[in-house]
Amino acid sequence: MHLKLLDKLKALHARLEHEVRAERARRMPDEVRLKRLKRAKLRVKDRLYGLVPA
């Protein structure tokens, strides 16, 4: 079960990273959208580290 969730979270993290990079590459990046994407990415990262044993 954890492996499926881990894979989904990793994929979501990668997608959010892609969206952050795409937004930054725009001529006039939307700072509010960037902030939301970064927060979402951080929440996913926190969940990932919570699932992986130390």
N, C-alpha and C. Protein backbone atom coordinates (compact mmCIF):
# COMPACT_ATOMS: atom_id res chain seq x y z
N MET A 1 0.82 -1.19 0.00
CA MET A 1 0.00 0.00 0.00
C MET A 1 0.86 1.26 0.00
N HIS A 2 1.88 1.26 0.85
CA HIS A 2 2.74 2.43 0.93
C HIS A 2 3.47 2.67 -0.38
N LEU A 3 3.78 1.60 -1.11
CA LEU A 3 4.51 1.77 -2.36
C LEU A 3 3.66 2.50 -3.40
N LYS A 4 2.39 2.18 -3.48
CA LYS A 4 1.51 2.87 -4.42
C LYS A 4 1.40 4.34 -4.05
N LEU A 5 1.20 4.61 -2.77
CA LEU A 5 1.09 5.99 -2.32
C LEU A 5 2.40 6.74 -2.56
N LEU A 6 3.51 6.08 -2.27
CA LEU A 6 4.82 6.68 -2.51
C LEU A 6 4.99 7.05 -3.99
N ASP A 7 4.63 6.13 -4.87
CA ASP A 7 4.75 6.39 -6.31
C ASP A 7 3.86 7.56 -6.73
N LYS A 8 2.65 7.61 -6.20
CA LYS A 8 1.74 8.70 -6.54
C LYS A 8 2.27 10.03 -6.03
N LEU A 9 2.79 10.04 -4.82
CA LEU A 9 3.34 11.27 -4.26
C LEU A 9 4.57 11.73 -5.03
N LYS A 10 5.42 10.80 -5.42
CA LYS A 10 6.61 11.16 -6.21
C LYS A 10 6.20 11.75 -7.55
N ALA A 11 5.20 11.15 -8.18
CA ALA A 11 4.73 11.66 -9.47
C ALA A 11 4.13 13.05 -9.29
N LEU A 12 3.37 13.26 -8.23
CA LEU A 12 2.77 14.56 -7.97
C LEU A 12 3.85 15.60 -7.71
N HIS A 13 4.86 15.24 -6.95
CA HIS A 13 5.97 16.14 -6.66
C HIS A 13 6.68 16.54 -7.95
N ALA A 14 6.92 15.58 -8.83
CA ALA A 14 7.57 15.86 -10.11
C ALA A 14 6.71 16.78 -10.98
N ARG A 15 5.40 16.53 -10.98
CA ARG A 15 4.50 17.37 -11.78
C ARG A 15 4.49 18.81 -11.25
N LEU A 16 4.46 18.95 -9.92
CA LEU A 16 4.49 20.28 -9.33
C LEU A 16 5.80 20.99 -9.63
N GLU A 17 6.90 20.26 -9.60
CA GLU A 17 8.20 20.84 -9.94
C GLU A 17 8.19 21.33 -11.39
N HIS A 18 7.61 20.54 -12.27
CA HIS A 18 7.51 20.93 -13.68
C HIS A 18 6.68 22.21 -13.81
N GLU A 19 5.57 22.28 -13.10
CA GLU A 19 4.71 23.46 -13.16
C GLU A 19 5.41 24.70 -12.60
N VAL A 20 6.19 24.53 -11.54
CA VAL A 20 6.95 25.65 -10.97
C VAL A 20 7.95 26.17 -12.01
N ARG A 21 8.68 25.25 -12.63
CA ARG A 21 9.67 25.66 -13.64
C ARG A 21 9.00 26.34 -14.84
N ALA A 22 7.87 25.81 -15.26
CA ALA A 22 7.16 26.41 -16.40
C ALA A 22 6.66 27.81 -16.04
N GLU A 23 6.18 27.97 -14.83
CA GLU A 23 5.69 29.29 -14.41
C GLU A 23 6.84 30.28 -14.33
N ARG A 24 7.96 29.85 -13.80
CA ARG A 24 9.14 30.74 -13.72
C ARG A 24 9.64 31.14 -15.09
N ALA A 25 9.47 30.26 -16.08
CA ALA A 25 9.97 30.52 -17.43
C ALA A 25 9.09 31.52 -18.19
N ARG A 26 7.89 31.76 -17.69
CA ARG A 26 7.01 32.72 -18.34
C ARG A 26 7.62 34.12 -18.28
N ARG A 27 7.22 34.93 -19.23
CA ARG A 27 7.75 36.30 -19.27
C ARG A 27 7.41 37.07 -18.00
N MET A 28 6.17 36.92 -17.53
CA MET A 28 5.75 37.57 -16.29
C MET A 28 5.11 36.52 -15.39
N PRO A 29 5.93 35.81 -14.60
CA PRO A 29 5.39 34.75 -13.74
C PRO A 29 4.37 35.27 -12.74
N ASP A 30 3.36 34.47 -12.50
CA ASP A 30 2.33 34.80 -11.50
C ASP A 30 2.88 34.39 -10.13
N GLU A 31 3.24 35.39 -9.34
CA GLU A 31 3.87 35.12 -8.04
C GLU A 31 2.93 34.39 -7.09
N VAL A 32 1.64 34.68 -7.15
CA VAL A 32 0.68 34.00 -6.28
C VAL A 32 0.61 32.52 -6.66
N ARG A 33 0.55 32.24 -7.95
CA ARG A 33 0.51 30.84 -8.40
C ARG A 33 1.80 30.12 -8.01
N LEU A 34 2.93 30.80 -8.18
CA LEU A 34 4.21 30.19 -7.79
C LEU A 34 4.21 29.85 -6.30
N LYS A 35 3.72 30.75 -5.49
CA LYS A 35 3.69 30.51 -4.04
C LYS A 35 2.81 29.30 -3.72
N ARG A 36 1.65 29.22 -4.38
CA ARG A 36 0.74 28.08 -4.15
C ARG A 36 1.38 26.77 -4.59
N LEU A 37 2.02 26.79 -5.75
CA LEU A 37 2.68 25.58 -6.24
C LEU A 37 3.79 25.13 -5.30
N LYS A 38 4.57 26.08 -4.83
CA LYS A 38 5.67 25.73 -3.93
C LYS A 38 5.16 25.17 -2.60
N ARG A 39 4.08 25.76 -2.09
CA ARG A 39 3.49 25.24 -0.85
C ARG A 39 2.97 23.81 -1.05
N ALA A 40 2.30 23.60 -2.18
CA ALA A 40 1.77 22.26 -2.47
C ALA A 40 2.92 21.27 -2.59
N LYS A 41 3.98 21.68 -3.26
CA LYS A 41 5.15 20.81 -3.42
C LYS A 41 5.77 20.47 -2.06
N LEU A 42 5.84 21.44 -1.19
CA LEU A 42 6.40 21.22 0.15
C LEU A 42 5.52 20.27 0.96
N ARG A 43 4.18 20.42 0.85
CA ARG A 43 3.28 19.51 1.56
C ARG A 43 3.48 18.07 1.07
N VAL A 44 3.64 17.91 -0.23
CA VAL A 44 3.86 16.57 -0.80
C VAL A 44 5.19 16.01 -0.29
N LYS A 45 6.21 16.85 -0.28
CA LYS A 45 7.53 16.42 0.19
C LYS A 45 7.46 15.99 1.66
N ASP A 46 6.75 16.76 2.47
CA ASP A 46 6.59 16.41 3.88
C ASP A 46 5.89 15.06 4.04
N ARG A 47 4.86 14.82 3.22
CA ARG A 47 4.17 13.54 3.28
C ARG A 47 5.09 12.41 2.85
N LEU A 48 5.90 12.66 1.83
CA LEU A 48 6.84 11.64 1.36
C LEU A 48 7.81 11.25 2.48
N TYR A 49 8.39 12.25 3.14
CA TYR A 49 9.34 11.96 4.20
C TYR A 49 8.67 11.33 5.41
N GLY A 50 7.38 11.58 5.58
CA GLY A 50 6.66 10.95 6.68
C GLY A 50 6.42 9.47 6.43
N LEU A 51 6.41 9.05 5.16
CA LEU A 51 6.16 7.65 4.82
C LEU A 51 7.43 6.82 4.75
N VAL A 52 8.55 7.48 4.45
CA VAL A 52 9.80 6.75 4.28
C VAL A 52 10.47 6.57 5.64
N PRO A 53 10.79 5.33 6.01
CA PRO A 53 11.46 5.12 7.30
C PRO A 53 12.85 5.73 7.30
N ALA A 54 13.24 6.24 8.43
CA ALA A 54 14.56 6.92 8.56
C ALA A 54 15.69 5.92 8.59
